[in-house]
C-alpha cells in the first residue's frame, strides 16, 4: 500500500503561482496512476489532473493551460505547477494514487494541503 505526503500549499495572491509536491512511499510507484484532486468548502472533491507512468496527462477544463502535472518515477514524486491562480482555485488539494486490480479501482490519498488564493 502506498503512502502519500503533500507539501507546498499556502497563501498566494491572484495571478500568482504555487508548486505542490507529493512524495510516495511504501509501494512500487510505477504501479499507480497519480493525480491531484481538490475540494473547496461545501463542495465535492474534484479531479484536477492525472498522469500515467508513461507521462500521459489529463486535466480538468478549469485548469487546462494554467496547471501542469509531472512525475519523477526515480524519485517517487508527483508535482503540480499552478500558474495564473484565481480565488476559484482556493481548496484543499489532495494527492491521489490509483490502480486497477481485477476490475476494481483502489484509491490512496494524502492528507491534503491548503491552497488559498486571496489578495
N, C-alpha and C. Protein backbone atom coordinates (compact mmCIF):
# COMPACT_ATOMS: atom_id res chain seq x y z
N UNK A 1 0.86 -1.19 0.00
CA UNK A 1 0.00 0.00 0.00
C UNK A 1 0.88 1.23 0.00
N UNK A 2 0.53 2.20 -0.82
CA UNK A 2 1.35 3.39 -0.96
C UNK A 2 0.92 4.45 0.06
N UNK A 3 1.89 5.18 0.59
CA UNK A 3 1.63 6.34 1.45
C UNK A 3 2.02 7.60 0.68
N UNK A 4 1.19 8.64 0.87
CA UNK A 4 1.38 9.88 0.11
C UNK A 4 1.46 11.06 1.07
N UNK A 5 2.42 11.93 0.85
CA UNK A 5 2.59 13.13 1.67
C UNK A 5 2.74 14.33 0.75
N UNK A 6 1.79 15.29 0.91
CA UNK A 6 1.83 16.50 0.09
C UNK A 6 2.60 17.61 0.80
N UNK A 7 3.08 18.54 0.01
CA UNK A 7 3.71 19.76 0.53
C UNK A 7 3.58 20.86 -0.50
N UNK A 8 3.78 22.10 -0.04
CA UNK A 8 3.83 23.21 -0.98
C UNK A 8 2.64 24.13 -1.01
N UNK A 9 1.61 23.84 -0.23
CA UNK A 9 0.46 24.73 -0.22
C UNK A 9 0.76 26.03 0.50
N UNK A 10 -0.20 26.94 0.46
CA UNK A 10 -0.03 28.21 1.15
C UNK A 10 -0.95 29.27 0.61
N UNK A 11 -0.62 30.51 0.97
CA UNK A 11 -1.40 31.67 0.56
C UNK A 11 -0.68 32.37 -0.60
N UNK A 12 -1.43 32.68 -1.64
CA UNK A 12 -0.84 33.35 -2.80
C UNK A 12 -1.85 34.36 -3.33
N UNK A 13 -1.34 35.43 -3.91
CA UNK A 13 -2.22 36.46 -4.48
C UNK A 13 -2.75 36.01 -5.84
N UNK A 14 -3.90 36.53 -6.23
CA UNK A 14 -4.41 36.23 -7.57
C UNK A 14 -3.37 36.55 -8.65
N UNK A 15 -3.27 35.64 -9.60
CA UNK A 15 -2.26 35.78 -10.65
C UNK A 15 -0.94 35.15 -10.32
N UNK A 16 -0.77 34.73 -9.09
CA UNK A 16 0.48 34.14 -8.66
C UNK A 16 0.59 32.66 -8.98
N UNK A 17 1.69 32.06 -8.51
CA UNK A 17 1.98 30.66 -8.78
C UNK A 17 2.32 29.92 -7.49
N UNK A 18 2.06 28.64 -7.51
CA UNK A 18 2.47 27.73 -6.44
C UNK A 18 2.83 26.40 -7.07
N UNK A 19 3.71 25.67 -6.39
CA UNK A 19 4.06 24.32 -6.83
C UNK A 19 3.81 23.36 -5.68
N UNK A 20 2.95 22.39 -5.93
CA UNK A 20 2.67 21.35 -4.94
C UNK A 20 3.51 20.12 -5.27
N UNK A 21 3.94 19.44 -4.23
CA UNK A 21 4.69 18.20 -4.41
C UNK A 21 4.05 17.09 -3.59
N UNK A 22 4.17 15.88 -4.08
CA UNK A 22 3.66 14.71 -3.38
C UNK A 22 4.73 13.63 -3.42
N UNK A 23 5.11 13.15 -2.25
CA UNK A 23 6.10 12.09 -2.15
C UNK A 23 5.40 10.78 -1.81
N UNK A 24 5.71 9.76 -2.57
CA UNK A 24 5.09 8.44 -2.37
C UNK A 24 6.10 7.47 -1.79
N UNK A 25 5.62 6.57 -0.94
CA UNK A 25 6.48 5.55 -0.36
C UNK A 25 5.65 4.31 -0.06
N UNK A 26 6.35 3.22 0.16
CA UNK A 26 5.69 2.02 0.64
C UNK A 26 5.24 1.05 -0.42
N UNK A 27 5.38 1.43 -1.69
CA UNK A 27 4.95 0.52 -2.74
C UNK A 27 5.66 0.89 -4.03
N UNK A 28 5.43 0.13 -5.04
CA UNK A 28 6.09 0.38 -6.32
C UNK A 28 5.37 1.52 -7.04
N UNK A 29 6.05 2.64 -7.15
CA UNK A 29 5.44 3.86 -7.66
C UNK A 29 4.89 3.67 -9.06
N UNK A 30 5.57 2.89 -9.88
CA UNK A 30 5.15 2.74 -11.26
C UNK A 30 3.86 1.95 -11.43
N UNK A 31 3.33 1.40 -10.35
CA UNK A 31 2.05 0.70 -10.42
C UNK A 31 0.89 1.66 -10.58
N UNK A 32 1.09 2.90 -10.20
CA UNK A 32 -0.03 3.80 -9.99
C UNK A 32 -0.14 4.90 -11.03
N UNK A 33 -1.39 5.20 -11.37
CA UNK A 33 -1.70 6.48 -12.00
C UNK A 33 -1.75 7.50 -10.86
N UNK A 34 -1.06 8.60 -11.03
CA UNK A 34 -1.00 9.63 -10.00
C UNK A 34 -1.86 10.81 -10.39
N UNK A 35 -2.37 11.49 -9.38
CA UNK A 35 -3.21 12.63 -9.70
C UNK A 35 -3.34 13.61 -8.56
N UNK A 36 -3.92 14.74 -8.88
CA UNK A 36 -4.26 15.76 -7.89
C UNK A 36 -5.76 16.03 -7.98
N UNK A 37 -6.38 16.12 -6.83
CA UNK A 37 -7.78 16.47 -6.70
C UNK A 37 -7.87 17.64 -5.75
N UNK A 38 -9.00 18.33 -5.77
CA UNK A 38 -9.19 19.43 -4.84
C UNK A 38 -10.62 19.47 -4.34
N UNK A 39 -10.74 20.02 -3.14
CA UNK A 39 -12.06 20.13 -2.52
C UNK A 39 -12.19 21.48 -1.86
N UNK A 40 -13.10 22.27 -2.37
CA UNK A 40 -13.40 23.58 -1.78
C UNK A 40 -14.46 23.39 -0.70
N UNK A 41 -14.57 24.32 0.24
CA UNK A 41 -15.56 24.19 1.32
C UNK A 41 -16.96 24.02 0.77
N UNK A 42 -17.66 23.01 1.27
CA UNK A 42 -19.03 22.78 0.87
C UNK A 42 -19.21 22.14 -0.49
N UNK A 43 -18.09 21.74 -1.12
CA UNK A 43 -18.18 21.15 -2.45
C UNK A 43 -17.58 19.76 -2.45
N UNK A 44 -17.84 19.03 -3.52
CA UNK A 44 -17.29 17.69 -3.64
C UNK A 44 -15.83 17.77 -4.06
N UNK A 45 -15.14 16.65 -3.90
CA UNK A 45 -13.75 16.57 -4.33
C UNK A 45 -13.72 16.34 -5.84
N UNK A 46 -12.99 17.19 -6.53
CA UNK A 46 -12.96 17.15 -7.99
C UNK A 46 -11.56 16.86 -8.52
N UNK A 47 -11.54 16.24 -9.67
CA UNK A 47 -10.27 15.98 -10.35
C UNK A 47 -9.63 17.29 -10.81
N UNK A 48 -8.33 17.39 -10.62
CA UNK A 48 -7.56 18.50 -11.18
C UNK A 48 -6.74 18.00 -12.37
N UNK A 49 -5.94 16.96 -12.12
CA UNK A 49 -5.09 16.43 -13.18
C UNK A 49 -4.61 15.04 -12.81
N UNK A 50 -4.34 14.24 -13.82
CA UNK A 50 -3.75 12.92 -13.61
C UNK A 50 -2.59 12.71 -14.57
N UNK A 51 -1.72 11.76 -14.21
CA UNK A 51 -0.59 11.42 -15.08
C UNK A 51 -0.28 9.94 -14.93
N UNK A 52 -0.13 9.27 -16.06
CA UNK A 52 0.21 7.85 -16.03
C UNK A 52 1.71 7.67 -15.87
N UNK A 53 2.12 6.42 -15.72
CA UNK A 53 3.54 6.14 -15.53
C UNK A 53 4.34 6.51 -16.78
N UNK A 54 3.69 6.50 -17.94
CA UNK A 54 4.38 6.85 -19.18
C UNK A 54 4.29 8.35 -19.48
N UNK A 55 3.62 9.10 -18.63
CA UNK A 55 3.58 10.55 -18.79
C UNK A 55 2.36 11.11 -19.50
N UNK A 56 1.40 10.29 -19.80
CA UNK A 56 0.16 10.80 -20.39
C UNK A 56 -0.63 11.57 -19.34
N UNK A 57 -1.10 12.74 -19.71
CA UNK A 57 -1.76 13.62 -18.75
C UNK A 57 -3.20 13.90 -19.12
N UNK A 58 -3.95 14.27 -18.09
CA UNK A 58 -5.35 14.65 -18.27
C UNK A 58 -5.63 15.78 -17.30
N UNK A 59 -6.33 16.82 -17.76
CA UNK A 59 -6.61 17.98 -16.93
C UNK A 59 -8.10 18.31 -16.96
N UNK A 60 -8.58 18.85 -15.85
CA UNK A 60 -9.93 19.39 -15.87
C UNK A 60 -9.93 20.65 -16.72
N UNK A 61 -11.07 20.96 -17.29
CA UNK A 61 -11.16 22.14 -18.15
C UNK A 61 -10.82 23.42 -17.38
N UNK A 62 -11.12 23.44 -16.10
CA UNK A 62 -10.94 24.67 -15.32
C UNK A 62 -9.46 25.02 -15.10
N UNK A 63 -8.56 24.05 -15.26
CA UNK A 63 -7.14 24.31 -15.01
C UNK A 63 -6.28 24.15 -16.26
N UNK A 64 -6.88 23.67 -17.33
CA UNK A 64 -6.11 23.41 -18.56
C UNK A 64 -5.44 24.70 -19.04
N UNK A 65 -4.16 24.59 -19.32
CA UNK A 65 -3.40 25.75 -19.77
C UNK A 65 -2.78 26.56 -18.65
N UNK A 66 -3.18 26.29 -17.41
CA UNK A 66 -2.63 27.02 -16.26
C UNK A 66 -1.83 26.11 -15.34
N UNK A 67 -2.26 24.86 -15.22
CA UNK A 67 -1.61 23.91 -14.32
C UNK A 67 -0.86 22.86 -15.14
N UNK A 68 0.23 22.36 -14.57
CA UNK A 68 1.00 21.30 -15.21
C UNK A 68 1.35 20.24 -14.18
N UNK A 69 0.98 19.00 -14.49
CA UNK A 69 1.32 17.88 -13.62
C UNK A 69 2.54 17.16 -14.19
N UNK A 70 3.41 16.71 -13.30
CA UNK A 70 4.59 15.97 -13.73
C UNK A 70 4.93 14.93 -12.67
N UNK A 71 5.66 13.91 -13.07
CA UNK A 71 6.06 12.88 -12.12
C UNK A 71 7.51 12.49 -12.39
N UNK A 72 8.18 12.10 -11.33
CA UNK A 72 9.55 11.61 -11.42
C UNK A 72 9.53 10.19 -10.87
N UNK A 73 9.58 9.23 -11.76
CA UNK A 73 9.47 7.83 -11.34
C UNK A 73 10.71 7.34 -10.59
N UNK A 74 11.81 8.02 -10.74
CA UNK A 74 13.01 7.66 -10.00
C UNK A 74 12.95 8.16 -8.56
N UNK A 75 12.31 9.31 -8.37
CA UNK A 75 12.23 9.91 -7.03
C UNK A 75 10.89 9.63 -6.35
N UNK A 76 9.97 8.96 -7.05
CA UNK A 76 8.65 8.65 -6.49
C UNK A 76 7.89 9.92 -6.09
N UNK A 77 7.91 10.90 -6.96
CA UNK A 77 7.22 12.14 -6.66
C UNK A 77 6.32 12.56 -7.83
N UNK A 78 5.29 13.30 -7.49
CA UNK A 78 4.43 13.91 -8.49
C UNK A 78 4.19 15.36 -8.07
N UNK A 79 4.34 16.26 -9.01
CA UNK A 79 4.22 17.69 -8.74
C UNK A 79 3.07 18.30 -9.51
N UNK A 80 2.59 19.42 -9.00
CA UNK A 80 1.57 20.19 -9.69
C UNK A 80 2.02 21.65 -9.70
N UNK A 81 2.39 22.14 -10.87
CA UNK A 81 2.74 23.55 -11.02
C UNK A 81 1.48 24.32 -11.37
N UNK A 82 1.15 25.30 -10.54
CA UNK A 82 -0.08 26.06 -10.70
C UNK A 82 0.27 27.52 -10.99
N UNK A 83 -0.14 27.99 -12.15
CA UNK A 83 0.10 29.37 -12.56
C UNK A 83 -1.21 30.11 -12.75
N UNK A 84 -1.13 31.42 -12.78
CA UNK A 84 -2.30 32.28 -13.01
C UNK A 84 -3.45 31.90 -12.08
N UNK A 85 -3.13 31.78 -10.83
CA UNK A 85 -4.12 31.33 -9.85
C UNK A 85 -5.21 32.39 -9.64
N UNK A 86 -6.41 31.91 -9.41
CA UNK A 86 -7.56 32.76 -9.13
C UNK A 86 -8.18 32.33 -7.80
N UNK A 87 -9.02 33.19 -7.21
CA UNK A 87 -9.68 32.78 -5.95
C UNK A 87 -10.48 31.49 -6.09
N UNK A 88 -10.94 31.18 -7.29
CA UNK A 88 -11.70 29.94 -7.51
C UNK A 88 -10.82 28.69 -7.38
N UNK A 89 -9.53 28.86 -7.35
CA UNK A 89 -8.62 27.73 -7.15
C UNK A 89 -8.41 27.42 -5.66
N UNK A 90 -8.97 28.23 -4.80
CA UNK A 90 -8.83 28.00 -3.36
C UNK A 90 -9.51 26.69 -2.97
N UNK A 91 -8.75 25.81 -2.33
CA UNK A 91 -9.26 24.50 -1.95
C UNK A 91 -8.18 23.75 -1.18
N UNK A 92 -8.58 22.62 -0.62
CA UNK A 92 -7.59 21.66 -0.14
C UNK A 92 -7.25 20.74 -1.31
N UNK A 93 -5.97 20.61 -1.58
CA UNK A 93 -5.50 19.80 -2.70
C UNK A 93 -4.98 18.46 -2.16
N UNK A 94 -5.45 17.40 -2.79
CA UNK A 94 -5.11 16.05 -2.35
C UNK A 94 -4.34 15.32 -3.44
N UNK A 95 -3.28 14.69 -3.04
CA UNK A 95 -2.55 13.78 -3.94
C UNK A 95 -3.26 12.43 -3.94
N UNK A 96 -3.34 11.83 -5.10
CA UNK A 96 -4.02 10.56 -5.25
C UNK A 96 -3.17 9.58 -6.05
N UNK A 97 -3.19 8.36 -5.63
CA UNK A 97 -2.62 7.27 -6.41
C UNK A 97 -3.71 6.23 -6.61
N UNK A 98 -3.84 5.73 -7.83
CA UNK A 98 -4.82 4.68 -8.01
C UNK A 98 -4.30 3.60 -8.94
N UNK A 99 -4.86 2.41 -8.75
CA UNK A 99 -4.53 1.27 -9.59
C UNK A 99 -5.79 0.42 -9.75
N UNK A 100 -5.79 -0.34 -10.81
CA UNK A 100 -6.89 -1.24 -11.08
C UNK A 100 -6.43 -2.67 -10.83
N UNK A 101 -7.18 -3.37 -10.02
CA UNK A 101 -6.88 -4.77 -9.71
C UNK A 101 -8.14 -5.58 -9.93
N UNK A 102 -8.09 -6.48 -10.88
CA UNK A 102 -9.22 -7.37 -11.18
C UNK A 102 -10.51 -6.57 -11.37
N UNK A 103 -10.40 -5.46 -12.07
CA UNK A 103 -11.58 -4.68 -12.41
C UNK A 103 -12.03 -3.70 -11.35
N UNK A 104 -11.36 -3.66 -10.22
CA UNK A 104 -11.72 -2.72 -9.15
C UNK A 104 -10.64 -1.66 -9.01
N UNK A 105 -11.10 -0.42 -8.80
CA UNK A 105 -10.14 0.67 -8.63
C UNK A 105 -9.84 0.85 -7.16
N UNK A 106 -8.56 0.92 -6.86
CA UNK A 106 -8.11 1.15 -5.49
C UNK A 106 -7.48 2.54 -5.42
N UNK A 107 -8.00 3.37 -4.52
CA UNK A 107 -7.53 4.74 -4.35
C UNK A 107 -6.76 4.91 -3.06
N UNK A 108 -5.72 5.71 -3.13
CA UNK A 108 -4.93 6.08 -1.95
C UNK A 108 -4.79 7.59 -1.95
N UNK A 109 -4.92 8.19 -0.75
CA UNK A 109 -4.95 9.64 -0.65
C UNK A 109 -3.91 10.15 0.34
N UNK A 110 -3.40 11.33 0.05
CA UNK A 110 -2.62 12.04 1.02
C UNK A 110 -3.52 12.78 1.98
N UNK A 111 -2.91 13.52 2.91
CA UNK A 111 -3.68 14.21 3.94
C UNK A 111 -4.23 15.54 3.46
N UNK A 112 -3.74 16.02 2.34
CA UNK A 112 -4.22 17.28 1.78
C UNK A 112 -3.35 18.46 2.18
N UNK A 113 -3.31 19.45 1.30
CA UNK A 113 -2.60 20.69 1.59
C UNK A 113 -3.47 21.86 1.14
N UNK A 114 -3.56 22.87 1.99
CA UNK A 114 -4.44 24.00 1.72
C UNK A 114 -3.78 24.98 0.75
N UNK A 115 -4.54 25.37 -0.26
CA UNK A 115 -4.14 26.45 -1.17
C UNK A 115 -5.19 27.54 -1.07
N UNK A 116 -4.75 28.73 -0.74
CA UNK A 116 -5.64 29.88 -0.62
C UNK A 116 -5.15 30.98 -1.56
N UNK A 117 -6.05 31.42 -2.44
CA UNK A 117 -5.72 32.48 -3.39
C UNK A 117 -6.54 33.70 -2.99
N UNK A 118 -5.85 34.71 -2.50
CA UNK A 118 -6.55 35.89 -1.99
C UNK A 118 -5.60 37.06 -1.96
N UNK A 119 -6.19 38.25 -2.16
CA UNK A 119 -5.39 39.47 -2.05
C UNK A 119 -5.46 40.04 -0.65
